[in-house]
Amino acid sequence: MRALGWWGLCVVVGVGAAGSARAAEAGEDDLGRYPLDAMNRNVPRGEPLPCRAIELVTYRGEAIRYVRPVQVHPAFRERLQAFEKLVAETAVEHYGRAPQKILHLGALNCRRIRLYPDWVSEHALGNALDVAGFAFAALPRKTALREGLPRALRGRFEVKLDPHWSATRGSGAVHSAFLRDLARRLIARTDIFRAVLGPAWPGHKNHFHLDCAPYRMTEVF
């Protein structure tokens, strides 16, 4: 599913043409009220990007730590805090424990959207994160493994979109179920991220792209 709000319908003209798009319903989330909504994303080639004007904070994670600290806009940090809680809740249901680390491919990156060079990437605003997976610590010696899980999951392990998204056997199938459940919950939680992209979107086989652009867009399955 793709859903684009009022701003996204003009920003992502090429994206919208690629498949089904619909305007986000009024009140679906906080469209128009997020601190970065008023910023113009249209910057013609040759003009400088607004990266230096963006307020940034260094964030290491609260409920779950990030494998490397990220630089993000303060408003996006609040969304990441909500994301960590959702990840922890989902992981406890699947594994009986939360991840120790969030594995990511980066947040801040002062660049344009590769396929649409007149538009600023949300990464340039500290308003996006690419999540590759999650690292779990080993269970303490006397802690029981959640019933039904493969014994290999007693120890340390990592869950990654590539290769686990489509896995069908053993531990891989458990990881696939977790990742897909998490993706469904992220899409349903319109109060966390507005854009949720994953394996179904070109170039996103190995990560979830999560951002708070001023439009609603999802393409994961």
Foldseek 3Di string as FASTA:
>chain_A
DWEWAPVRVVVPVVVCVVDPYYHDDPPLECQPNQPCAPDDFFAAPPGADCLVVADWDWAQADLEGAPHIAIAHPSLVVLVNVLQVLQQVLCCVLWVGHFRYWYWDYAADFAADVVDRRGTDCSSNRFKTWTFWTKHAAAPPPDDTPPPADPVNNHIDIQGLVPLCPDDDHNSNSSNVSVVVSLVVVLSPCHRFQEWEACQDPPHSRTIMTGHHSIHTYYHD
